[in-house]
């Protein structure tokens, strides 16, 4: 499958522009077209995150725009009775509802004595969900992190959730609207992270 798709990635275009992004999801896409893929939760990768805001912003935009293009491909080429198609639909439904529901609750002119309770319940639910997602931190034994550091990272799970909601979600909306502005790897002309060798 990899050999059959060789050359496609380097020459991929989207709306007439060269696009070399999301090579991992592209391989998954071709695998799905030729058979099936499986989720391997024990397979982990650690991402080097840029240390400067402009570099981080470019990295996130590159990833998000590439993801948007891949989603469009999945909606177009995946079987409509398959899980990939409906998972993509569900993700966009989740995004829409995540905007519509709060807007309706806040802008509705009628008095709601339970609105405060709904807001509190929503915040508590988000808090619990962030901690549930962060439990995965304890499934991997890392030589570069002490148990204390791991516990601190877990304790900061709500901060990560807030970052996703306040920074990354609006950025994703912008990436969705501007996914046609793809560039060839964007920030890959130079390495924008410092590799720290932890022994």
N, C-alpha and C. Protein backbone atom coordinates (compact mmCIF):
# COMPACT_ATOMS: atom_id res chain seq x y z
N UNK A 1 0.83 -1.20 0.00
CA UNK A 1 0.00 0.00 0.00
C UNK A 1 0.87 1.25 0.00
N UNK A 2 1.93 1.23 0.81
CA UNK A 2 2.83 2.38 0.88
C UNK A 2 3.51 2.60 -0.48
N UNK A 3 3.95 1.51 -1.10
CA UNK A 3 4.61 1.64 -2.42
C UNK A 3 3.62 2.12 -3.48
N UNK A 4 2.39 1.66 -3.39
CA UNK A 4 1.38 2.07 -4.37
C UNK A 4 1.08 3.56 -4.26
N UNK A 5 1.18 4.10 -3.05
CA UNK A 5 0.88 5.52 -2.83
C UNK A 5 2.12 6.39 -2.93
N UNK A 6 3.29 5.78 -3.17
CA UNK A 6 4.53 6.55 -3.27
C UNK A 6 4.42 7.57 -4.39
N UNK A 7 4.86 8.78 -4.09
CA UNK A 7 4.81 9.85 -5.09
C UNK A 7 3.56 10.70 -4.99
N UNK A 8 2.51 10.15 -4.39
CA UNK A 8 1.26 10.90 -4.27
C UNK A 8 1.42 12.03 -3.26
N UNK A 9 2.02 11.69 -2.13
CA UNK A 9 2.15 12.66 -1.05
C UNK A 9 2.94 13.90 -1.49
N UNK A 10 4.05 13.67 -2.19
CA UNK A 10 4.89 14.79 -2.61
C UNK A 10 4.19 15.69 -3.62
N UNK A 11 3.23 15.14 -4.35
CA UNK A 11 2.57 15.89 -5.42
C UNK A 11 1.12 16.22 -5.12
N UNK A 12 0.72 16.07 -3.86
CA UNK A 12 -0.68 16.33 -3.51
C UNK A 12 -1.01 17.82 -3.63
N UNK A 13 -2.20 18.10 -4.13
CA UNK A 13 -2.67 19.48 -4.21
C UNK A 13 -4.07 19.57 -3.63
N UNK A 14 -4.42 20.77 -3.18
CA UNK A 14 -5.77 21.05 -2.70
C UNK A 14 -6.15 22.41 -3.23
N UNK A 15 -7.21 22.45 -4.00
CA UNK A 15 -7.66 23.67 -4.68
C UNK A 15 -6.53 24.33 -5.46
N UNK A 16 -5.76 23.47 -6.14
CA UNK A 16 -4.71 23.96 -7.03
C UNK A 16 -3.41 24.33 -6.35
N UNK A 17 -3.33 24.15 -5.04
CA UNK A 17 -2.10 24.50 -4.33
C UNK A 17 -1.43 23.26 -3.78
N UNK A 18 -0.10 23.28 -3.78
CA UNK A 18 0.66 22.17 -3.24
C UNK A 18 0.35 21.99 -1.77
N UNK A 19 0.14 20.74 -1.35
CA UNK A 19 -0.18 20.47 0.05
C UNK A 19 0.59 19.24 0.51
N UNK A 20 1.50 19.43 1.42
CA UNK A 20 2.25 18.32 1.99
C UNK A 20 2.08 18.35 3.51
N UNK A 21 0.92 17.92 3.95
CA UNK A 21 0.60 17.93 5.37
C UNK A 21 -0.06 16.62 5.76
N UNK A 22 -0.05 16.35 7.05
CA UNK A 22 -0.77 15.21 7.61
C UNK A 22 -0.48 13.90 6.87
N UNK A 23 0.81 13.62 6.72
CA UNK A 23 1.19 12.40 6.02
C UNK A 23 0.70 11.14 6.75
N UNK A 24 0.62 11.20 8.09
CA UNK A 24 0.16 10.03 8.83
C UNK A 24 -1.31 9.73 8.54
N UNK A 25 -2.14 10.79 8.53
CA UNK A 25 -3.56 10.54 8.24
C UNK A 25 -3.77 10.21 6.77
N UNK A 26 -2.87 10.67 5.90
CA UNK A 26 -2.98 10.31 4.49
C UNK A 26 -2.74 8.81 4.31
N UNK A 27 -1.74 8.27 5.03
CA UNK A 27 -1.49 6.83 4.96
C UNK A 27 -2.67 6.04 5.52
N UNK A 28 -3.27 6.56 6.59
CA UNK A 28 -4.46 5.92 7.15
C UNK A 28 -5.59 5.94 6.13
N UNK A 29 -5.75 7.06 5.44
CA UNK A 29 -6.78 7.21 4.42
C UNK A 29 -6.61 6.17 3.32
N UNK A 30 -5.39 6.02 2.80
CA UNK A 30 -5.15 5.03 1.75
C UNK A 30 -5.31 3.61 2.26
N UNK A 31 -4.94 3.40 3.51
CA UNK A 31 -5.14 2.07 4.10
C UNK A 31 -6.62 1.73 4.18
N UNK A 32 -7.43 2.71 4.58
CA UNK A 32 -8.88 2.49 4.66
C UNK A 32 -9.49 2.23 3.29
N UNK A 33 -8.97 2.89 2.27
CA UNK A 33 -9.48 2.66 0.92
C UNK A 33 -9.12 1.27 0.41
N UNK A 34 -8.01 0.72 0.94
CA UNK A 34 -7.54 -0.59 0.47
C UNK A 34 -7.84 -1.73 1.44
N UNK A 35 -8.50 -1.45 2.54
CA UNK A 35 -8.79 -2.50 3.51
C UNK A 35 -9.32 -1.90 4.78
N UNK A 36 -8.56 -2.04 5.87
CA UNK A 36 -9.00 -1.46 7.14
C UNK A 36 -7.78 -1.14 7.99
N UNK A 37 -8.00 -0.36 9.03
CA UNK A 37 -6.94 -0.02 9.97
C UNK A 37 -7.43 -0.37 11.37
N UNK A 38 -6.50 -0.48 12.29
CA UNK A 38 -6.85 -0.74 13.68
C UNK A 38 -6.21 0.32 14.57
N UNK A 39 -6.89 0.62 15.66
CA UNK A 39 -6.34 1.57 16.65
C UNK A 39 -5.43 0.80 17.58
N UNK A 40 -4.20 1.29 17.75
CA UNK A 40 -3.23 0.63 18.63
C UNK A 40 -2.91 1.56 19.78
N UNK A 41 -3.65 1.47 20.90
CA UNK A 41 -3.46 2.43 22.01
C UNK A 41 -2.09 2.37 22.66
N UNK A 42 -1.37 1.25 22.52
CA UNK A 42 -0.06 1.16 23.16
C UNK A 42 1.03 1.80 22.30
N UNK A 43 0.70 2.22 21.09
CA UNK A 43 1.66 2.89 20.22
C UNK A 43 1.62 4.39 20.51
N UNK A 44 2.71 4.93 21.02
CA UNK A 44 2.74 6.33 21.46
C UNK A 44 3.84 7.10 20.74
N UNK A 45 3.58 8.37 20.55
CA UNK A 45 4.59 9.27 19.99
C UNK A 45 4.60 10.54 20.83
N UNK A 46 5.78 11.09 21.02
CA UNK A 46 5.91 12.32 21.78
C UNK A 46 6.23 13.46 20.82
N UNK A 47 5.44 14.49 20.86
CA UNK A 47 5.58 15.61 19.94
C UNK A 47 6.48 16.68 20.52
N UNK A 48 7.41 17.16 19.70
CA UNK A 48 8.22 18.31 20.09
C UNK A 48 7.42 19.56 19.77
N UNK A 49 7.11 20.33 20.79
CA UNK A 49 6.28 21.53 20.62
C UNK A 49 7.20 22.75 20.54
N UNK A 50 6.96 23.62 19.55
CA UNK A 50 7.76 24.84 19.46
C UNK A 50 7.67 25.66 20.74
N UNK A 51 8.75 26.35 21.06
CA UNK A 51 8.83 27.10 22.32
C UNK A 51 8.37 28.54 22.18
N UNK A 52 8.26 29.04 20.96
CA UNK A 52 7.83 30.41 20.74
C UNK A 52 6.43 30.42 20.16
N UNK A 53 5.65 31.44 20.59
CA UNK A 53 4.25 31.53 20.19
C UNK A 53 4.06 31.53 18.67
N UNK A 54 4.82 32.33 17.86
CA UNK A 54 4.60 32.31 16.41
C UNK A 54 4.83 30.92 15.79
N UNK A 55 5.86 30.23 16.30
CA UNK A 55 6.15 28.89 15.78
C UNK A 55 5.05 27.91 16.17
N UNK A 56 4.62 27.99 17.42
CA UNK A 56 3.53 27.12 17.89
C UNK A 56 2.26 27.37 17.09
N UNK A 57 1.96 28.63 16.83
CA UNK A 57 0.77 29.00 16.07
C UNK A 57 0.83 28.42 14.67
N UNK A 58 1.99 28.52 14.01
CA UNK A 58 2.13 27.98 12.66
C UNK A 58 2.00 26.46 12.65
N UNK A 59 2.58 25.81 13.66
CA UNK A 59 2.46 24.36 13.75
C UNK A 59 1.01 23.93 13.89
N UNK A 60 0.29 24.57 14.80
CA UNK A 60 -1.12 24.23 15.02
C UNK A 60 -1.96 24.50 13.78
N UNK A 61 -1.72 25.62 13.12
CA UNK A 61 -2.47 25.94 11.90
C UNK A 61 -2.20 24.91 10.81
N UNK A 62 -0.95 24.48 10.68
CA UNK A 62 -0.61 23.48 9.68
C UNK A 62 -1.35 22.18 9.97
N UNK A 63 -1.33 21.76 11.23
CA UNK A 63 -2.01 20.52 11.61
C UNK A 63 -3.51 20.63 11.40
N UNK A 64 -4.09 21.75 11.85
CA UNK A 64 -5.55 21.90 11.79
C UNK A 64 -6.05 22.01 10.35
N UNK A 65 -5.33 22.76 9.52
CA UNK A 65 -5.74 22.87 8.12
C UNK A 65 -5.62 21.52 7.42
N UNK A 66 -4.54 20.81 7.70
CA UNK A 66 -4.37 19.48 7.12
C UNK A 66 -5.47 18.53 7.57
N UNK A 67 -5.85 18.60 8.84
CA UNK A 67 -6.93 17.77 9.35
C UNK A 67 -8.25 18.09 8.67
N UNK A 68 -8.51 19.37 8.46
CA UNK A 68 -9.74 19.78 7.79
C UNK A 68 -9.80 19.22 6.38
N UNK A 69 -8.70 19.29 5.64
CA UNK A 69 -8.66 18.74 4.28
C UNK A 69 -8.90 17.24 4.31
N UNK A 70 -8.25 16.55 5.26
CA UNK A 70 -8.46 15.10 5.36
C UNK A 70 -9.93 14.78 5.67
N UNK A 71 -10.54 15.55 6.56
CA UNK A 71 -11.96 15.32 6.88
C UNK A 71 -12.82 15.47 5.64
N UNK A 72 -12.51 16.45 4.82
CA UNK A 72 -13.27 16.61 3.57
C UNK A 72 -13.10 15.39 2.67
N UNK A 73 -11.90 14.84 2.65
CA UNK A 73 -11.66 13.63 1.87
C UNK A 73 -12.46 12.46 2.43
N UNK A 74 -12.46 12.32 3.75
CA UNK A 74 -13.19 11.21 4.36
C UNK A 74 -14.68 11.31 4.06
N UNK A 75 -15.23 12.52 4.13
CA UNK A 75 -16.65 12.70 3.84
C UNK A 75 -16.96 12.41 2.37
N UNK A 76 -15.99 12.67 1.52
CA UNK A 76 -16.22 12.45 0.08
C UNK A 76 -15.99 11.00 -0.35
N UNK A 77 -14.95 10.36 0.17
CA UNK A 77 -14.54 9.06 -0.35
C UNK A 77 -14.86 7.86 0.53
N UNK A 78 -15.07 8.08 1.82
CA UNK A 78 -15.36 6.93 2.69
C UNK A 78 -16.81 6.48 2.50
N UNK A 79 -17.07 5.17 2.62
CA UNK A 79 -18.45 4.67 2.49
C UNK A 79 -19.37 5.31 3.52
N UNK A 80 -20.56 5.72 3.08
CA UNK A 80 -21.48 6.42 3.98
C UNK A 80 -22.05 5.51 5.06
N UNK A 81 -21.88 4.23 4.92
CA UNK A 81 -22.34 3.31 5.97
C UNK A 81 -21.23 2.94 6.93
N UNK A 82 -20.03 3.49 6.73
CA UNK A 82 -18.87 3.12 7.54
C UNK A 82 -18.66 4.02 8.74
N UNK A 83 -17.86 3.54 9.67
CA UNK A 83 -17.63 4.26 10.92
C UNK A 83 -16.81 5.53 10.70
N UNK A 84 -15.89 5.52 9.72
CA UNK A 84 -15.05 6.70 9.49
C UNK A 84 -15.91 7.88 9.05
N UNK A 85 -16.83 7.64 8.14
CA UNK A 85 -17.72 8.70 7.66
C UNK A 85 -18.53 9.27 8.81
N UNK A 86 -19.16 8.38 9.60
CA UNK A 86 -20.05 8.86 10.66
C UNK A 86 -19.31 9.43 11.86
N UNK A 87 -18.08 8.98 12.09
CA UNK A 87 -17.26 9.59 13.14
C UNK A 87 -16.92 11.03 12.78
N UNK A 88 -16.64 11.25 11.50
CA UNK A 88 -16.36 12.61 11.03
C UNK A 88 -17.60 13.49 11.14
N UNK A 89 -18.76 12.96 10.75
CA UNK A 89 -20.02 13.71 10.88
C UNK A 89 -20.27 14.04 12.35
N UNK A 90 -20.06 13.06 13.23
CA UNK A 90 -20.29 13.27 14.67
C UNK A 90 -19.35 14.33 15.23
N UNK A 91 -18.12 14.36 14.74
CA UNK A 91 -17.16 15.36 15.22
C UNK A 91 -17.63 16.77 14.86
N UNK A 92 -18.11 16.93 13.64
CA UNK A 92 -18.59 18.26 13.23
C UNK A 92 -19.89 18.62 13.93
N UNK A 93 -20.73 17.64 14.19
CA UNK A 93 -21.94 17.90 14.96
C UNK A 93 -21.59 18.35 16.37
N UNK A 94 -20.60 17.71 16.96
CA UNK A 94 -20.13 18.09 18.29
C UNK A 94 -19.61 19.52 18.30
N UNK A 95 -18.86 19.90 17.26
CA UNK A 95 -18.33 21.26 17.16
C UNK A 95 -19.47 22.28 17.06
N UNK A 96 -20.46 21.98 16.21
CA UNK A 96 -21.59 22.90 16.02
C UNK A 96 -22.39 23.05 17.32
N UNK A 97 -22.71 21.91 17.95
CA UNK A 97 -23.49 21.96 19.20
C UNK A 97 -22.71 22.66 20.31
N UNK A 98 -21.38 22.51 20.31
CA UNK A 98 -20.56 23.17 21.31
C UNK A 98 -20.60 24.68 21.21
N UNK A 99 -21.00 25.19 20.05
CA UNK A 99 -21.14 26.64 19.87
C UNK A 99 -22.59 27.06 20.04
N UNK A 100 -23.50 26.31 19.41
CA UNK A 100 -24.92 26.68 19.38
C UNK A 100 -25.55 26.66 20.78
N UNK A 101 -25.32 25.60 21.54
CA UNK A 101 -25.98 25.45 22.84
C UNK A 101 -25.61 26.59 23.80
N UNK A 102 -24.31 26.90 23.99
CA UNK A 102 -24.00 28.04 24.88
C UNK A 102 -24.56 29.37 24.38
N UNK A 103 -24.53 29.58 23.07
CA UNK A 103 -25.05 30.83 22.52
C UNK A 103 -26.55 30.95 22.81
N UNK A 104 -27.30 29.86 22.59
CA UNK A 104 -28.75 29.87 22.85
C UNK A 104 -29.03 30.12 24.32
N UNK A 105 -28.27 29.46 25.20
CA UNK A 105 -28.49 29.63 26.64
C UNK A 105 -28.21 31.06 27.10
N UNK A 106 -27.18 31.66 26.53
CA UNK A 106 -26.79 33.00 26.96
C UNK A 106 -27.69 34.08 26.35
N UNK A 107 -28.10 33.90 25.10
CA UNK A 107 -28.84 34.96 24.41
C UNK A 107 -30.36 34.84 24.52
N UNK A 108 -30.86 33.73 25.06
CA UNK A 108 -32.31 33.58 25.20
C UNK A 108 -32.83 34.62 26.18
N UNK A 109 -33.83 35.38 25.75
CA UNK A 109 -34.36 36.48 26.57
C UNK A 109 -35.20 36.03 27.75
N UNK A 110 -35.69 34.81 27.74
CA UNK A 110 -36.54 34.33 28.84
C UNK A 110 -35.70 34.10 30.10
N UNK A 111 -36.34 34.27 31.23
CA UNK A 111 -35.67 34.06 32.51
C UNK A 111 -35.59 32.55 32.79
N UNK A 112 -34.39 32.09 33.11
CA UNK A 112 -34.19 30.68 33.43
C UNK A 112 -33.59 30.57 34.82
N UNK A 113 -34.39 30.18 35.81
CA UNK A 113 -33.84 30.06 37.16
C UNK A 113 -32.76 28.98 37.26
N UNK A 114 -32.76 28.05 36.27
CA UNK A 114 -31.79 26.96 36.33
C UNK A 114 -30.53 27.26 35.53
N UNK A 115 -30.47 28.46 34.88
CA UNK A 115 -29.32 28.75 34.02
C UNK A 115 -28.01 28.70 34.80
N UNK A 116 -28.03 29.25 36.00
CA UNK A 116 -26.85 29.18 36.84
C UNK A 116 -26.45 27.75 37.13
N UNK A 117 -27.44 26.91 37.41
CA UNK A 117 -27.18 25.50 37.68
C UNK A 117 -26.62 24.81 36.45
N UNK A 118 -27.18 25.13 35.28
CA UNK A 118 -26.69 24.54 34.03
C UNK A 118 -25.22 24.92 33.81
N UNK A 119 -24.90 26.18 34.05
CA UNK A 119 -23.52 26.64 33.87
C UNK A 119 -22.58 25.93 34.83
N UNK A 120 -23.02 25.79 36.09
CA UNK A 120 -22.20 25.10 37.09
C UNK A 120 -22.04 23.63 36.73
N UNK A 121 -23.15 23.00 36.34
CA UNK A 121 -23.10 21.59 35.95
C UNK A 121 -22.19 21.39 34.74
N UNK A 122 -22.27 22.33 33.78
CA UNK A 122 -21.41 22.24 32.60
C UNK A 122 -19.94 22.35 32.96
N UNK A 123 -19.62 23.27 33.86
CA UNK A 123 -18.23 23.46 34.29
C UNK A 123 -17.72 22.23 35.04
N UNK A 124 -18.57 21.67 35.91
CA UNK A 124 -18.17 20.45 36.65
C UNK A 124 -17.98 19.27 35.71
N UNK A 125 -18.87 19.14 34.72
CA UNK A 125 -18.75 18.06 33.74
C UNK A 125 -17.45 18.20 32.97
N UNK A 126 -17.13 19.43 32.54
CA UNK A 126 -15.88 19.67 31.81
C UNK A 126 -14.67 19.34 32.67
N UNK A 127 -14.74 19.69 33.97
CA UNK A 127 -13.66 19.40 34.90
C UNK A 127 -13.43 17.89 35.02
N UNK A 128 -14.51 17.16 35.22
CA UNK A 128 -14.43 15.70 35.35
C UNK A 128 -13.90 15.08 34.06
N UNK A 129 -14.39 15.53 32.90
CA UNK A 129 -13.96 14.98 31.62
C UNK A 129 -12.46 15.22 31.39
N UNK A 130 -11.98 16.40 31.79
CA UNK A 130 -10.55 16.67 31.63
C UNK A 130 -9.71 15.74 32.48
N UNK A 131 -10.16 15.48 33.69
CA UNK A 131 -9.41 14.56 34.55
C UNK A 131 -9.50 13.11 34.04
N UNK A 132 -10.65 12.73 33.51
CA UNK A 132 -10.78 11.38 32.94
C UNK A 132 -9.83 11.19 31.75
N UNK A 133 -9.76 12.21 30.90
CA UNK A 133 -8.85 12.12 29.75
C UNK A 133 -7.40 12.09 30.21
N UNK A 134 -7.09 12.79 31.28
CA UNK A 134 -5.71 12.86 31.77
C UNK A 134 -5.26 11.58 32.47
N UNK A 135 -6.18 10.69 32.79
CA UNK A 135 -5.80 9.42 33.44
C UNK A 135 -4.83 8.62 32.58
N UNK A 136 -4.87 8.86 31.28
CA UNK A 136 -3.97 8.13 30.38
C UNK A 136 -2.50 8.41 30.71
N UNK A 137 -2.24 9.53 31.36
CA UNK A 137 -0.86 9.85 31.76
C UNK A 137 -0.23 8.75 32.59
N UNK A 138 -1.06 8.05 33.36
CA UNK A 138 -0.55 7.03 34.28
C UNK A 138 -0.42 5.66 33.63
N UNK A 139 -0.76 5.56 32.35
CA UNK A 139 -0.65 4.27 31.67
C UNK A 139 0.72 4.05 31.04
N UNK A 140 1.54 5.09 31.05
CA UNK A 140 2.86 5.00 30.43
C UNK A 140 3.92 5.31 31.48
N UNK A 141 4.89 4.44 31.61
CA UNK A 141 6.00 4.68 32.53
C UNK A 141 7.10 5.39 31.74
N UNK A 142 7.40 6.63 32.15
CA UNK A 142 8.38 7.43 31.44
C UNK A 142 9.65 7.61 32.25
N UNK A 143 10.80 7.40 31.59
CA UNK A 143 12.08 7.55 32.27
C UNK A 143 12.46 9.02 32.45
N UNK A 144 11.80 9.91 31.68
CA UNK A 144 12.15 11.34 31.76
C UNK A 144 11.21 12.13 32.65
N UNK A 145 10.37 11.44 33.42
CA UNK A 145 9.40 12.14 34.27
C UNK A 145 9.26 11.41 35.60
N UNK A 146 9.35 12.17 36.69
CA UNK A 146 9.19 11.57 38.02
C UNK A 146 7.69 11.42 38.32
N UNK A 147 7.39 10.63 39.34
CA UNK A 147 6.00 10.45 39.75
C UNK A 147 5.39 11.78 40.18
N UNK A 148 6.19 12.62 40.83
CA UNK A 148 5.71 13.94 41.26
C UNK A 148 5.35 14.81 40.06
N UNK A 149 6.19 14.80 39.03
CA UNK A 149 5.91 15.56 37.82
C UNK A 149 4.65 15.05 37.12
N UNK A 150 4.50 13.74 37.12
CA UNK A 150 3.32 13.13 36.50
C UNK A 150 2.05 13.56 37.24
N UNK A 151 2.11 13.57 38.57
CA UNK A 151 0.96 13.98 39.38
C UNK A 151 0.63 15.45 39.15
N UNK A 152 1.68 16.28 39.04
CA UNK A 152 1.47 17.70 38.78
C UNK A 152 0.83 17.92 37.41
N UNK A 153 1.29 17.18 36.42
CA UNK A 153 0.72 17.28 35.08
C UNK A 153 -0.75 16.86 35.10
N UNK A 154 -1.06 15.82 35.85
CA UNK A 154 -2.46 15.39 35.99
C UNK A 154 -3.30 16.47 36.66
N UNK A 155 -2.74 17.09 37.71
CA UNK A 155 -3.47 18.14 38.43
C UNK A 155 -3.78 19.33 37.52
N UNK A 156 -2.93 19.56 36.53
CA UNK A 156 -3.11 20.69 35.61
C UNK A 156 -4.03 20.36 34.43
N UNK A 157 -4.67 19.22 34.45
CA UNK A 157 -5.55 18.81 33.35
C UNK A 157 -6.62 19.86 33.01
N UNK A 158 -7.25 20.51 34.01
CA UNK A 158 -8.23 21.55 33.67
C UNK A 158 -7.63 22.74 32.92
N UNK A 159 -6.36 23.04 33.20
CA UNK A 159 -5.69 24.14 32.49
C UNK A 159 -5.54 23.77 31.01
N UNK A 160 -5.18 22.51 30.76
CA UNK A 160 -5.08 22.03 29.38
C UNK A 160 -6.44 22.10 28.69
N UNK A 161 -7.50 21.74 29.42
CA UNK A 161 -8.85 21.81 28.87
C UNK A 161 -9.26 23.25 28.55
N UNK A 162 -8.89 24.16 29.44
CA UNK A 162 -9.18 25.57 29.21
C UNK A 162 -8.42 26.10 27.99
N UNK A 163 -7.17 25.66 27.84
CA UNK A 163 -6.37 26.05 26.68
C UNK A 163 -7.02 25.56 25.39
N UNK A 164 -7.51 24.31 25.40
CA UNK A 164 -8.18 23.77 24.22
C UNK A 164 -9.42 24.59 23.89
N UNK A 165 -10.19 24.98 24.91
CA UNK A 165 -11.45 25.68 24.69
C UNK A 165 -11.25 27.13 24.28
N UNK A 166 -10.29 27.81 24.92
CA UNK A 166 -10.14 29.25 24.71
C UNK A 166 -9.20 29.59 23.55
N UNK A 167 -8.16 28.76 23.35
CA UNK A 167 -7.17 29.06 22.32
C UNK A 167 -7.31 28.16 21.10
N UNK A 168 -7.27 26.85 21.32
CA UNK A 168 -7.23 25.93 20.19
C UNK A 168 -8.56 25.82 19.45
N UNK A 169 -9.68 25.88 20.15
CA UNK A 169 -10.96 25.76 19.45
C UNK A 169 -11.21 26.93 18.50
N UNK A 170 -11.04 28.20 18.93
CA UNK A 170 -11.18 29.31 17.97
C UNK A 170 -10.18 29.21 16.82
N UNK A 171 -8.96 28.74 17.14
CA UNK A 171 -7.95 28.57 16.10
C UNK A 171 -8.41 27.53 15.07
N UNK A 172 -9.09 26.48 15.57
CA UNK A 172 -9.59 25.44 14.67
C UNK A 172 -10.68 25.98 13.75
N UNK A 173 -11.54 26.82 14.28
CA UNK A 173 -12.57 27.44 13.44
C UNK A 173 -11.91 28.27 12.33
N UNK A 174 -10.89 29.01 12.70
CA UNK A 174 -10.18 29.81 11.69
C UNK A 174 -9.52 28.90 10.65
N UNK A 175 -8.92 27.80 11.11
CA UNK A 175 -8.28 26.85 10.19
C UNK A 175 -9.30 26.23 9.24
N UNK A 176 -10.49 25.94 9.75
CA UNK A 176 -11.55 25.38 8.90
C UNK A 176 -11.91 26.35 7.77
N UNK A 177 -12.01 27.63 8.11
CA UNK A 177 -12.40 28.63 7.12
C UNK A 177 -11.27 28.97 6.15
N UNK A 178 -10.03 28.69 6.54
CA UNK A 178 -8.89 29.07 5.71
C UNK A 178 -8.07 27.85 5.26
N UNK A 179 -8.68 26.67 5.25
CA UNK A 179 -7.91 25.47 4.91
C UNK A 179 -7.41 25.50 3.47
N UNK A 180 -7.98 26.35 2.63
CA UNK A 180 -7.51 26.47 1.24
C UNK A 180 -6.18 27.22 1.16
N UNK A 181 -5.75 27.81 2.26
CA UNK A 181 -4.48 28.54 2.27
C UNK A 181 -3.31 27.63 2.64
N UNK A 182 -3.34 26.42 2.17
CA UNK A 182 -2.30 25.46 2.53
C UNK A 182 -0.99 25.86 1.87
N UNK A 183 0.10 25.60 2.59
CA UNK A 183 1.44 25.83 2.05
C UNK A 183 2.24 24.54 2.21
N UNK A 184 3.29 24.45 1.48
CA UNK A 184 4.12 23.25 1.57
C UNK A 184 4.85 23.20 2.90
N UNK A 185 4.24 22.57 3.86
CA UNK A 185 4.80 22.32 5.18
C UNK A 185 4.93 23.55 6.05
N UNK A 186 4.65 24.72 5.56
CA UNK A 186 4.57 25.90 6.42
C UNK A 186 5.84 26.19 7.19
N UNK A 187 6.02 25.56 8.34
CA UNK A 187 7.15 25.89 9.22
C UNK A 187 8.33 24.95 9.04
N UNK A 188 8.27 24.04 8.09
CA UNK A 188 9.32 23.04 8.00
C UNK A 188 10.61 23.52 7.33
N UNK A 189 10.69 24.79 6.96
CA UNK A 189 11.93 25.29 6.37
C UNK A 189 13.05 25.30 7.41
N UNK A 190 12.66 25.43 8.68
CA UNK A 190 13.65 25.42 9.76
C UNK A 190 13.04 24.73 10.97
N UNK A 191 13.89 24.08 11.75
CA UNK A 191 13.43 23.40 12.97
C UNK A 191 13.14 24.48 14.00
N UNK A 192 11.97 24.41 14.60
CA UNK A 192 11.56 25.47 15.52
C UNK A 192 11.45 24.98 16.96
N UNK A 193 12.10 23.88 17.26
CA UNK A 193 12.11 23.37 18.63
C UNK A 193 13.56 23.06 19.01
N UNK A 194 13.80 23.06 20.28
CA UNK A 194 15.11 22.66 20.80
C UNK A 194 14.97 21.25 21.36
N UNK A 195 15.69 20.33 20.79
CA UNK A 195 15.60 18.94 21.25
C UNK A 195 16.43 18.79 22.52
N UNK A 196 15.75 18.47 23.60
CA UNK A 196 16.41 18.27 24.87
C UNK A 196 16.65 16.79 25.05
N UNK A 197 17.87 16.40 25.23
CA UNK A 197 18.23 15.00 25.38
C UNK A 197 18.19 14.63 26.84
N UNK A 198 17.17 13.88 27.24
CA UNK A 198 17.01 13.48 28.63
C UNK A 198 17.54 12.07 28.80
N UNK A 199 18.53 11.90 29.60
CA UNK A 199 19.11 10.57 29.78
C UNK A 199 18.75 10.09 31.12
